[in-house]
Amino acid sequence: IPEDVVEEVARLHGYENIPVSLPTLSIAPPLANQLRLLEREIKEVLAFECGFTEVYNYSFVSPEWLNRLGVLTGAQHVELNNPIAKDRPILRRELVPGLIENVKGNAHTDSLAFFECGRVFLPDEAGERTNAGGSELLPAQPLHLGLVFTAKNNAAPFYELSDALEVIAKRLGFA
């Protein structure tokens, strides 16, 4: 290939005989991603100021689990042809099933405060195109925020969640 010929000529001529110069292109940083900055700020508020623990759940869910939660009926889901795990062939439409699994897995604890910021997959809404000129659309993949708080002997856990949302709103300048 042409690159190999150039390499051989350079080797025979001597690499030390080839003048060295830096590229003259300007390197400009990319524009700030406002959604990513907002996501980071919300995560910092929830973790550092409100005491919530961030969780990361798989985007794949089990149809049996969704049936138990009553979520599978009526809603359209994206089913994978070749799932990573045979028992989880469906992409999530919401974060709640994963957060409930987190609560179930930590039921021995007296109090839990979890949050997840992740993408969900909505096949009934149009998303991005598969390629620049393609006509096939991917499902919409919006970023959602889910919060869970539970504590034994706490009659009003709603107020813990509303306080966290109030702190976020104040930090972002909405309150």
Protein backbone atom coordinates (compact mmCIF):
# COMPACT_ATOMS: atom_id res chain seq x y z
CA ILE A 1 0.00 0.00 0.00
CA PRO A 2 1.17 3.59 -0.54
CA GLU A 3 1.78 4.16 3.17
CA ASP A 4 4.22 1.24 3.29
CA VAL A 5 6.17 2.63 0.30
CA VAL A 6 6.44 6.04 2.01
CA GLU A 7 7.61 4.37 5.20
CA GLU A 8 10.31 2.42 3.36
CA VAL A 9 11.56 5.55 1.55
CA ALA A 10 11.68 7.44 4.86
CA ARG A 11 13.56 4.57 6.51
CA LEU A 12 16.14 4.39 3.70
CA HIS A 13 16.55 8.18 3.56
CA GLY A 14 16.81 8.33 7.37
CA TYR A 15 14.13 9.53 9.77
CA GLU A 16 16.58 12.05 11.23
CA ASN A 17 16.87 13.74 7.79
CA ILE A 18 13.14 14.52 7.60
CA PRO A 19 12.29 17.99 8.98
CA VAL A 20 9.95 17.99 11.96
CA SER A 21 7.18 20.58 12.36
CA LEU A 22 4.03 20.84 14.44
CA PRO A 23 0.65 21.04 12.70
CA THR A 24 -0.61 24.57 12.08
CA LEU A 25 -4.25 23.76 12.79
CA SER A 26 -5.92 25.50 15.67
CA ILE A 27 -7.29 23.24 18.35
CA ALA A 28 -10.51 24.63 19.76
CA PRO A 29 -12.36 22.92 22.61
CA PRO A 30 -15.81 21.60 21.74
CA LEU A 31 -18.89 23.56 22.74
CA ALA A 32 -20.16 22.78 26.21
CA ASN A 33 -22.91 20.14 26.27
CA GLN A 34 -25.61 21.92 28.28
CA LEU A 35 -27.63 18.75 28.92
CA ARG A 36 -24.57 16.97 30.33
CA LEU A 37 -23.73 19.97 32.55
CA LEU A 38 -27.32 20.06 33.86
CA GLU A 39 -27.24 16.31 34.50
CA ARG A 40 -23.95 16.61 36.40
CA GLU A 41 -25.27 19.46 38.54
CA ILE A 42 -28.45 17.57 39.44
CA LYS A 43 -26.42 14.48 40.34
CA GLU A 44 -24.10 16.53 42.55
CA VAL A 45 -27.03 18.14 44.36
CA LEU A 46 -28.75 14.81 44.99
CA ALA A 47 -25.57 13.04 46.09
CA PHE A 48 -23.74 15.72 48.08
CA GLU A 49 -26.52 17.93 49.41
CA CYS A 50 -29.47 15.55 49.73
CA GLY A 51 -27.62 12.36 50.67
CA PHE A 52 -29.03 10.17 47.88
CA THR A 53 -27.00 7.33 46.39
CA GLU A 54 -26.72 7.12 42.62
CA VAL A 55 -27.55 3.76 41.07
CA TYR A 56 -26.91 2.48 37.57
CA ASN A 57 -29.36 -0.09 36.28
CA TYR A 58 -29.30 -2.03 33.04
CA SER A 59 -31.49 -0.75 30.22
CA PHE A 60 -32.76 -4.31 29.77
CA VAL A 61 -35.76 -5.53 31.73
CA SER A 62 -37.58 -8.81 32.18
CA PRO A 63 -41.14 -9.18 30.86
CA GLU A 64 -42.01 -11.23 33.96
CA TRP A 65 -40.87 -8.38 36.22
CA LEU A 66 -42.83 -5.84 34.19
CA ASN A 67 -45.93 -8.07 34.37
CA ARG A 68 -45.59 -8.32 38.15
CA LEU A 69 -45.45 -4.52 38.32
CA GLY A 70 -48.35 -4.16 35.89
CA VAL A 71 -46.24 -2.08 33.50
CA LEU A 72 -46.06 -4.38 30.48
CA THR A 73 -49.74 -4.36 29.61
CA GLY A 74 -50.76 -1.82 26.99
CA ALA A 75 -47.41 -0.08 26.62
CA GLN A 76 -45.26 -0.61 23.56
CA HIS A 77 -41.72 -1.79 24.31
CA VAL A 78 -38.63 -2.37 22.20
CA GLU A 79 -37.87 -6.09 22.16
CA LEU A 80 -34.31 -7.10 21.28
CA ASN A 81 -33.68 -9.80 18.69
CA ASN A 82 -30.40 -10.84 20.33
CA PRO A 83 -30.54 -9.86 24.02
CA ILE A 84 -27.44 -9.97 26.20
CA ALA A 85 -29.41 -11.86 28.86
CA LYS A 86 -32.15 -14.26 27.73
CA ASP A 87 -34.38 -13.30 30.67
CA ARG A 88 -34.17 -9.54 29.86
CA PRO A 89 -35.12 -9.08 26.19
CA ILE A 90 -36.96 -5.74 26.56
CA LEU A 91 -35.59 -2.18 26.70
CA ARG A 92 -36.98 -0.07 29.53
CA ARG A 93 -39.62 2.63 29.03
CA GLU A 94 -39.16 4.06 32.52
CA LEU A 95 -36.68 3.91 35.39
CA VAL A 96 -39.14 2.73 38.06
CA PRO A 97 -38.78 -1.07 37.60
CA GLY A 98 -35.01 -0.89 38.07
CA LEU A 99 -35.34 1.35 41.11
CA ILE A 100 -37.88 -1.02 42.66
CA GLU A 101 -35.43 -3.89 42.08
CA ASN A 102 -32.81 -1.81 43.94
CA VAL A 103 -35.21 -1.38 46.87
CA LYS A 104 -36.04 -5.10 46.83
CA GLY A 105 -32.34 -5.99 46.85
CA ASN A 106 -31.70 -3.68 49.82
CA ALA A 107 -34.83 -4.50 51.86
CA HIS A 108 -32.70 -5.32 54.92
CA THR A 109 -31.75 -1.64 55.30
CA ASP A 110 -33.75 0.74 57.51
CA SER A 111 -33.71 3.61 55.02
CA LEU A 112 -32.89 4.00 51.34
CA ALA A 113 -32.44 7.07 49.17
CA PHE A 114 -31.59 6.23 45.55
CA PHE A 115 -31.60 8.14 42.30
CA GLU A 116 -30.92 7.21 38.72
CA CYS A 117 -30.43 9.45 35.73
CA GLY A 118 -30.67 7.34 32.61
CA ARG A 119 -32.07 6.90 29.14
CA VAL A 120 -35.37 5.22 28.41
CA PHE A 121 -36.54 3.90 25.05
CA LEU A 122 -39.89 4.99 23.59
CA PRO A 123 -40.68 3.21 20.30
CA ASP A 124 -43.92 5.13 19.82
CA GLU A 125 -41.96 8.41 19.55
CA ALA A 126 -39.51 9.23 16.76
CA GLY A 127 -35.86 9.51 17.67
CA GLU A 128 -32.70 9.99 15.60
CA ARG A 129 -32.12 8.51 12.16
CA THR A 130 -29.98 5.37 11.93
CA ASN A 131 -27.57 7.21 9.58
CA ALA A 132 -27.29 10.61 7.90
CA GLY A 133 -29.40 9.83 4.83
CA GLY A 134 -31.37 6.90 6.19
CA SER A 135 -35.11 6.72 6.44
CA GLU A 136 -35.22 4.36 9.43
CA LEU A 137 -35.77 6.02 12.81
CA LEU A 138 -34.51 4.84 16.16
CA PRO A 139 -36.88 5.04 19.13
CA ALA A 140 -36.79 8.25 21.16
CA GLN A 141 -34.25 8.01 23.99
CA PRO A 142 -34.94 10.83 26.44
CA LEU A 143 -32.98 11.21 29.65
CA HIS A 144 -35.11 10.63 32.78
CA LEU A 145 -34.52 11.14 36.48
CA GLY A 146 -35.94 8.71 39.02
CA LEU A 147 -35.90 9.06 42.81
CA VAL A 148 -36.71 6.53 45.52
CA PHE A 149 -36.87 7.15 49.23
CA THR A 150 -38.04 4.70 51.84
CA ALA A 151 -37.51 4.57 55.60
CA LYS A 152 -38.95 2.50 58.40
CA ASN A 153 -41.06 4.54 60.83
CA ASN A 154 -41.33 7.45 58.37
CA ALA A 155 -45.01 8.16 57.83
CA ALA A 156 -44.43 10.81 55.15
CA PRO A 157 -41.56 9.86 52.79
CA PHE A 158 -43.11 12.16 50.20
CA TYR A 159 -41.65 15.15 52.04
CA GLU A 160 -38.11 13.78 51.73
CA LEU A 161 -38.54 13.62 47.96
CA SER A 162 -40.19 17.03 47.73
CA ASP A 163 -37.36 18.53 49.81
CA ALA A 164 -34.79 17.04 47.40
CA LEU A 165 -36.67 18.46 44.41
CA GLU A 166 -36.86 21.84 46.13
CA VAL A 167 -33.09 21.85 46.68
CA ILE A 168 -32.57 21.06 42.97
CA ALA A 169 -34.96 23.83 41.93
CA LYS A 170 -33.18 26.36 44.16
CA ARG A 171 -29.75 25.32 42.92
CA LEU A 172 -30.88 25.70 39.29
CA GLY A 173 -32.48 29.06 39.97
CA PHE A 174 -36.15 28.02 39.64
CA ALA A 175 -37.17 28.76 43.22
